[in-house]
């Protein structure tokens, strides 16, 4: 389905109050998106399982090479992320927190139920 088809679909639906009545084609788009989300989560879980198995198999080695000598995987240490406890900062230093806090632009978030 192309973007122009989606635009045509959305202009043909009925609007009541702040809710949008989803006709059958529009409802199908939502159903397809939900199914894709389920498949993506399954793929992400499978990827995590595979990479965990690779890490375990590598043990203390940092590089994996194939039969041609090409490097196919590396496992190195990376610096940990630096985080800030914003609740503690706000409680202990409210003025500094307000001076440093930044709020991004509002965005519309699509949530599929």
C-alpha atoms as a PDB file:
ATOM      1  CA  UNK A   1       0.000   0.000   0.000  1.00  0.00           C
ATOM      2  CA  UNK A   2       1.376   3.373  -0.953  1.00  0.00           C
ATOM      3  CA  UNK A   3       1.304   6.604   1.020  1.00  0.00           C
ATOM      4  CA  UNK A   4      -1.188   8.100  -1.429  1.00  0.00           C
ATOM      5  CA  UNK A   5      -3.527   5.159  -0.786  1.00  0.00           C
ATOM      6  CA  UNK A   6      -3.299   5.779   2.950  1.00  0.00           C
ATOM      7  CA  UNK A   7      -4.135   9.461   2.463  1.00  0.00           C
ATOM      8  CA  UNK A   8      -7.169   8.494   0.388  1.00  0.00           C
ATOM      9  CA  UNK A   9      -8.257   6.010   3.036  1.00  0.00           C
ATOM     10  CA  UNK A  10      -7.944   8.500   5.881  1.00  0.00           C
ATOM     11  CA  UNK A  11      -9.980  11.123   4.042  1.00  0.00           C
ATOM     12  CA  UNK A  12     -12.871   8.679   3.548  1.00  0.00           C
ATOM     13  CA  UNK A  13     -13.359   7.828   7.231  1.00  0.00           C
ATOM     14  CA  UNK A  14     -15.986   9.412   9.453  1.00  0.00           C
ATOM     15  CA  UNK A  15     -14.881  11.679  12.318  1.00  0.00           C
ATOM     16  CA  UNK A  16     -16.928  11.867  15.537  1.00  0.00           C
ATOM     17  CA  UNK A  17     -15.821  14.082  18.457  1.00  0.00           C
ATOM     18  CA  UNK A  18     -12.080  13.436  18.867  1.00  0.00           C
ATOM     19  CA  UNK A  19     -12.293   9.807  17.706  1.00  0.00           C
ATOM     20  CA  UNK A  20     -11.818   8.534  14.194  1.00  0.00           C
ATOM     21  CA  UNK A  21     -14.072   5.746  12.891  1.00  0.00           C
ATOM     22  CA  UNK A  22     -11.858   3.215  11.161  1.00  0.00           C
ATOM     23  CA  UNK A  23     -13.384   1.727   8.046  1.00  0.00           C
ATOM     24  CA  UNK A  24     -12.398  -1.822   7.027  1.00  0.00           C
ATOM     25  CA  UNK A  25      -9.333  -0.811   5.004  1.00  0.00           C
ATOM     26  CA  UNK A  26      -8.040   1.514   7.719  1.00  0.00           C
ATOM     27  CA  UNK A  27      -8.710  -1.145  10.384  1.00  0.00           C
ATOM     28  CA  UNK A  28      -6.735  -3.592   8.234  1.00  0.00           C
ATOM     29  CA  UNK A  29      -3.758  -1.192   8.230  1.00  0.00           C
ATOM     30  CA  UNK A  30      -3.828  -1.142  12.027  1.00  0.00           C
ATOM     31  CA  UNK A  31      -4.132  -4.937  12.206  1.00  0.00           C
ATOM     32  CA  UNK A  32      -1.155  -5.324   9.838  1.00  0.00           C
ATOM     33  CA  UNK A  33       0.917  -2.907  11.924  1.00  0.00           C
ATOM     34  CA  UNK A  34       0.118  -4.897  15.086  1.00  0.00           C
ATOM     35  CA  UNK A  35       1.127  -8.152  13.384  1.00  0.00           C
ATOM     36  CA  UNK A  36       4.396  -6.605  12.187  1.00  0.00           C
ATOM     37  CA  UNK A  37       5.095  -5.401  15.750  1.00  0.00           C
ATOM     38  CA  UNK A  38       4.617  -8.967  17.061  1.00  0.00           C
ATOM     39  CA  UNK A  39       6.958 -10.345  14.398  1.00  0.00           C
ATOM     40  CA  UNK A  40       9.552  -7.652  15.165  1.00  0.00           C
ATOM     41  CA  UNK A  41       9.496  -8.493  18.879  1.00  0.00           C
ATOM     42  CA  UNK A  42       9.966 -12.190  18.054  1.00  0.00           C
ATOM     43  CA  UNK A  43      12.891 -11.364  15.746  1.00  0.00           C
ATOM     44  CA  UNK A  44      14.491  -9.134  18.393  1.00  0.00           C
ATOM     45  CA  UNK A  45      14.207 -11.952  20.961  1.00  0.00           C
ATOM     46  CA  UNK A  46      15.721 -14.460  18.515  1.00  0.00           C
ATOM     47  CA  UNK A  47      18.573 -12.032  17.775  1.00  0.00           C
ATOM     48  CA  UNK A  48      19.265 -11.599  21.499  1.00  0.00           C
ATOM     49  CA  UNK A  49      19.344 -15.367  22.031  1.00  0.00           C
ATOM     50  CA  UNK A  50      21.751 -15.831  19.113  1.00  0.00           C
ATOM     51  CA  UNK A  51      24.099 -13.039  20.221  1.00  0.00           C
ATOM     52  CA  UNK A  52      24.087 -14.387  23.790  1.00  0.00           C
ATOM     53  CA  UNK A  53      25.082 -17.802  22.431  1.00  0.00           C
ATOM     54  CA  UNK A  54      27.881 -16.225  20.373  1.00  0.00           C
ATOM     55  CA  UNK A  55      29.172 -14.317  23.417  1.00  0.00           C
ATOM     56  CA  UNK A  56      29.125 -17.488  25.504  1.00  0.00           C
ATOM     57  CA  UNK A  57      30.923 -19.487  22.796  1.00  0.00           C
ATOM     58  CA  UNK A  58      33.600 -16.795  22.400  1.00  0.00           C
ATOM     59  CA  UNK A  59      34.542 -16.926  26.060  1.00  0.00           C
ATOM     60  CA  UNK A  60      37.694 -14.821  26.536  1.00  0.00           C
ATOM     61  CA  UNK A  61      38.436 -14.533  22.800  1.00  0.00           C
ATOM     62  CA  UNK A  62      37.942 -11.100  21.236  1.00  0.00           C
ATOM     63  CA  UNK A  63      37.786 -12.073  17.557  1.00  0.00           C
ATOM     64  CA  UNK A  64      36.175 -14.771  15.441  1.00  0.00           C
ATOM     65  CA  UNK A  65      37.573 -15.511  11.988  1.00  0.00           C
ATOM     66  CA  UNK A  66      36.106 -17.720   9.260  1.00  0.00           C
ATOM     67  CA  UNK A  67      37.896 -20.362   7.161  1.00  0.00           C
ATOM     68  CA  UNK A  68      39.266 -17.685   4.814  1.00  0.00           C
ATOM     69  CA  UNK A  69      40.761 -15.701   7.676  1.00  0.00           C
ATOM     70  CA  UNK A  70      38.167 -12.924   7.458  1.00  0.00           C
ATOM     71  CA  UNK A  71      37.085 -11.347  10.726  1.00  0.00           C
ATOM     72  CA  UNK A  72      33.385 -12.095  11.250  1.00  0.00           C
ATOM     73  CA  UNK A  73      32.810 -11.007  14.850  1.00  0.00           C
ATOM     74  CA  UNK A  74      34.557  -9.117  17.637  1.00  0.00           C
ATOM     75  CA  UNK A  75      33.796  -8.855  21.321  1.00  0.00           C
ATOM     76  CA  UNK A  76      35.376  -5.893  23.089  1.00  0.00           C
ATOM     77  CA  UNK A  77      34.783  -3.943  26.269  1.00  0.00           C
ATOM     78  CA  UNK A  78      33.059  -0.586  25.898  1.00  0.00           C
ATOM     79  CA  UNK A  79      32.951   2.262  28.389  1.00  0.00           C
ATOM     80  CA  UNK A  80      29.800   2.260  30.492  1.00  0.00           C
ATOM     81  CA  UNK A  81      27.249   5.005  29.935  1.00  0.00           C
ATOM     82  CA  UNK A  82      27.218   8.040  32.214  1.00  0.00           C
ATOM     83  CA  UNK A  83      23.770   8.732  33.619  1.00  0.00           C
ATOM     84  CA  UNK A  84      22.353  11.394  35.900  1.00  0.00           C
ATOM     85  CA  UNK A  85      19.809  10.682  38.610  1.00  0.00           C
ATOM     86  CA  UNK A  86      17.381  13.461  37.717  1.00  0.00           C
ATOM     87  CA  UNK A  87      15.117  12.819  40.728  1.00  0.00           C
ATOM     88  CA  UNK A  88      18.048  13.236  43.132  1.00  0.00           C
ATOM     89  CA  UNK A  89      19.318  16.289  41.241  1.00  0.00           C
ATOM     90  CA  UNK A  90      15.868  17.902  41.351  1.00  0.00           C
ATOM     91  CA  UNK A  91      15.483  17.135  45.070  1.00  0.00           C
ATOM     92  CA  UNK A  92      18.955  18.307  46.138  1.00  0.00           C
ATOM     93  CA  UNK A  93      19.542  21.144  43.654  1.00  0.00           C
ATOM     94  CA  UNK A  94      16.158  22.348  42.333  1.00  0.00           C
ATOM     95  CA  UNK A  95      17.465  25.650  40.922  1.00  0.00           C
ATOM     96  CA  UNK A  96      20.314  23.990  39.037  1.00  0.00           C
ATOM     97  CA  UNK A  97      17.914  21.316  37.793  1.00  0.00           C
ATOM     98  CA  UNK A  98      15.557  23.959  36.373  1.00  0.00           C
ATOM     99  CA  UNK A  99      18.472  25.773  34.728  1.00  0.00           C
ATOM    100  CA  UNK A 100      19.765  22.598  33.073  1.00  0.00           C
ATOM    101  CA  UNK A 101      16.526  20.762  32.280  1.00  0.00           C
ATOM    102  CA  UNK A 102      15.499  20.796  28.648  1.00  0.00           C
ATOM    103  CA  UNK A 103      12.124  19.776  27.319  1.00  0.00           C
ATOM    104  CA  UNK A 104      11.875  18.582  23.744  1.00  0.00           C
ATOM    105  CA  UNK A 105       9.216  19.521  21.257  1.00  0.00           C
ATOM    106  CA  UNK A 106       5.848  17.839  21.777  1.00  0.00           C
ATOM    107  CA  UNK A 107       5.286  14.919  19.444  1.00  0.00           C
ATOM    108  CA  UNK A 108       2.244  12.837  18.577  1.00  0.00           C
ATOM    109  CA  UNK A 109       2.847   9.248  19.575  1.00  0.00           C
ATOM    110  CA  UNK A 110       0.909   6.528  17.764  1.00  0.00           C
ATOM    111  CA  UNK A 111      -0.136   3.762  20.153  1.00  0.00           C
ATOM    112  CA  UNK A 112      -1.715   0.661  18.660  1.00  0.00           C
ATOM    113  CA  UNK A 113      -4.201  -0.905  21.069  1.00  0.00           C
END
